[in-house]
Amino acid sequence: MESSTSWSEKGAAFCNVLSVVGPSVCIVHCLAMPVLLAVLPAFGLSNSIFGVSDQTIALIILPLCALAIIPGYFKHGKKRVLAAMSLGFSLVVFGSFFAENICGPMAEIPINVMGSVFLIAASVMNHRLRSCFGHDH
């Protein structure tokens, strides 16, 4: 029985790492892409070498975050983690799929970055609460 708990905790730790790395990649992508797209033609490179869209990144990071945060919530029960995750999810989905058409082309980046920051915050809170679960402090 101990080995299954050990594997479960290792899986949770791995998911927690991915739930921070995924939104971090999203932030880097959002901030770097406008610069790269402006500079690439100067070096004779095509913009098509960066084929990963914001929608694709969102569809990858959202399940990763959910896999880490939701089981953690069932362990610690803190609603602020779910609130941060829900706000982050909402912002990333809105930013990736709807912001450009509704708010204009300049809105997508700050909305996605804010959403990713909320997802990272939720993941960090979740990790800390899971680590401290059952401890008296």
Protein backbone atom coordinates (compact mmCIF):
# COMPACT_ATOMS: atom_id res chain seq x y z
CA MET A 1 0.00 0.00 0.00
CA GLU A 2 2.86 2.36 0.72
CA SER A 3 4.24 2.10 -2.81
CA SER A 4 0.88 3.14 -4.32
CA THR A 5 0.80 6.20 -2.05
CA SER A 6 4.36 6.96 -3.04
CA TRP A 7 3.52 6.75 -6.75
CA SER A 8 0.41 8.82 -6.18
CA GLU A 9 2.40 11.54 -4.47
CA LYS A 10 5.07 11.45 -7.18
CA GLY A 11 2.36 11.81 -9.81
CA ALA A 12 0.82 14.73 -7.92
CA ALA A 13 4.22 16.41 -7.63
CA PHE A 14 4.85 15.94 -11.35
CA CYS A 15 1.43 17.39 -12.20
CA ASN A 16 2.14 20.33 -9.90
CA VAL A 17 5.38 21.05 -11.76
CA LEU A 18 3.59 20.85 -15.11
CA SER A 19 0.81 23.10 -13.83
CA VAL A 20 3.40 25.84 -13.20
CA VAL A 21 5.54 25.18 -16.28
CA GLY A 22 2.56 25.19 -18.68
CA PRO A 23 1.28 28.68 -17.84
CA SER A 24 4.88 29.92 -17.66
CA VAL A 25 5.39 28.76 -21.25
CA CYS A 26 2.17 30.58 -22.13
CA ILE A 27 3.51 33.82 -20.62
CA VAL A 28 6.82 33.51 -22.48
CA HIS A 29 4.98 32.71 -25.71
CA CYS A 30 2.62 35.68 -25.30
CA LEU A 31 5.41 38.13 -24.57
CA ALA A 32 7.99 36.84 -27.03
CA MET A 33 5.85 36.20 -30.10
CA PRO A 34 5.14 39.84 -31.03
CA VAL A 35 8.85 40.62 -30.85
CA LEU A 36 9.86 37.53 -32.80
CA LEU A 37 7.21 38.11 -35.46
CA ALA A 38 8.49 41.65 -35.94
CA VAL A 39 12.16 40.61 -36.10
CA LEU A 40 11.97 37.40 -38.18
CA PRO A 41 11.57 39.06 -41.58
CA ALA A 42 14.74 41.09 -40.96
CA PHE A 43 16.67 37.80 -40.81
CA GLY A 44 14.88 36.32 -43.80
CA LEU A 45 12.95 33.87 -41.66
CA SER A 46 9.30 33.03 -42.13
CA ASN A 47 6.69 33.63 -39.46
CA SER A 48 5.36 30.13 -40.13
CA ILE A 49 8.17 28.47 -38.15
CA PHE A 50 6.17 29.29 -35.01
CA GLY A 51 3.12 27.14 -35.69
CA VAL A 52 1.90 26.81 -32.10
CA SER A 53 -1.15 28.96 -31.59
CA ASP A 54 -2.50 30.47 -28.39
CA GLN A 55 -5.49 28.15 -28.66
CA THR A 56 -3.24 25.09 -28.81
CA ILE A 57 -1.28 26.20 -25.78
CA ALA A 58 -4.52 26.88 -23.88
CA LEU A 59 -5.86 23.42 -24.73
CA ILE A 60 -2.65 21.88 -23.37
CA ILE A 61 -2.17 23.89 -20.17
CA LEU A 62 -5.77 23.89 -18.94
CA PRO A 63 -6.02 20.09 -18.49
CA LEU A 64 -2.53 20.02 -16.94
CA CYS A 65 -3.59 22.57 -14.33
CA ALA A 66 -6.88 20.80 -13.67
CA LEU A 67 -5.08 17.47 -13.16
CA ALA A 68 -2.91 19.04 -10.46
CA ILE A 69 -5.31 21.43 -8.76
CA ILE A 70 -8.60 19.52 -8.54
CA PRO A 71 -7.22 16.44 -6.71
CA GLY A 72 -5.35 18.83 -4.41
CA TYR A 73 -8.58 20.66 -3.66
CA PHE A 74 -10.21 17.40 -2.59
CA LYS A 75 -7.34 16.94 -0.16
CA HIS A 76 -7.15 20.44 1.38
CA GLY A 77 -10.60 21.87 0.54
CA LYS A 78 -9.49 25.51 0.14
CA LYS A 79 -11.89 27.35 -2.15
CA ARG A 80 -9.42 30.15 -2.89
CA VAL A 81 -7.38 27.66 -4.96
CA LEU A 82 -10.45 26.77 -7.03
CA ALA A 83 -11.33 30.47 -7.36
CA ALA A 84 -7.84 31.33 -8.66
CA MET A 85 -7.92 28.34 -11.01
CA SER A 86 -11.40 29.26 -12.30
CA LEU A 87 -10.42 32.87 -12.89
CA GLY A 88 -7.21 31.77 -14.62
CA PHE A 89 -9.12 29.28 -16.80
CA SER A 90 -11.69 31.91 -17.73
CA LEU A 91 -9.09 34.50 -18.64
CA VAL A 92 -6.97 32.08 -20.69
CA VAL A 93 -9.99 30.74 -22.59
CA PHE A 94 -11.34 34.24 -23.21
CA GLY A 95 -7.91 35.60 -24.15
CA SER A 96 -7.05 32.72 -26.45
CA PHE A 97 -10.36 32.26 -28.21
CA PHE A 98 -12.39 35.49 -28.00
CA ALA A 99 -10.41 38.56 -26.87
CA GLU A 100 -9.05 39.55 -30.27
CA ASN A 101 -12.51 39.62 -31.88
CA ILE A 102 -14.31 41.26 -28.94
CA CYS A 103 -11.69 43.60 -27.46
CA GLY A 104 -9.23 44.08 -30.31
CA PRO A 105 -5.83 42.61 -31.17
CA MET A 106 -4.00 44.25 -28.28
CA ALA A 107 -6.19 42.66 -25.59
CA GLU A 108 -5.20 39.03 -26.14
CA ILE A 109 -1.71 39.22 -24.63
CA PRO A 110 -2.49 40.93 -21.29
CA ILE A 111 -5.57 38.76 -20.76
CA ASN A 112 -3.64 35.54 -21.40
CA VAL A 113 -0.77 36.68 -19.19
CA MET A 114 -3.15 37.55 -16.33
CA GLY A 115 -4.89 34.21 -16.72
CA SER A 116 -1.57 32.37 -16.66
CA VAL A 117 -0.49 34.27 -13.54
CA PHE A 118 -3.71 33.18 -11.79
CA LEU A 119 -3.12 29.57 -12.87
CA ILE A 120 0.45 29.68 -11.55
CA ALA A 121 -0.78 31.22 -8.28
CA ALA A 122 -3.43 28.50 -7.93
CA SER A 123 -0.83 25.81 -8.61
CA VAL A 124 1.62 27.23 -6.07
CA MET A 125 -1.12 27.59 -3.41
CA ASN A 126 -2.27 24.05 -4.16
CA HIS A 127 1.25 22.67 -3.82
CA ARG A 128 1.84 24.45 -0.52
CA LEU A 129 -1.50 23.33 0.88
CA ARG A 130 -0.94 19.72 -0.21
CA SER A 131 2.53 19.78 1.35
CA CYS A 132 1.19 21.14 4.63
CA PHE A 133 -1.96 19.00 4.77
CA GLY A 134 -2.16 17.29 8.13
CA HIS A 135 0.53 19.49 9.70
CA ASP A 136 -0.31 21.85 12.55
CA HIS A 137 1.12 25.24 11.61
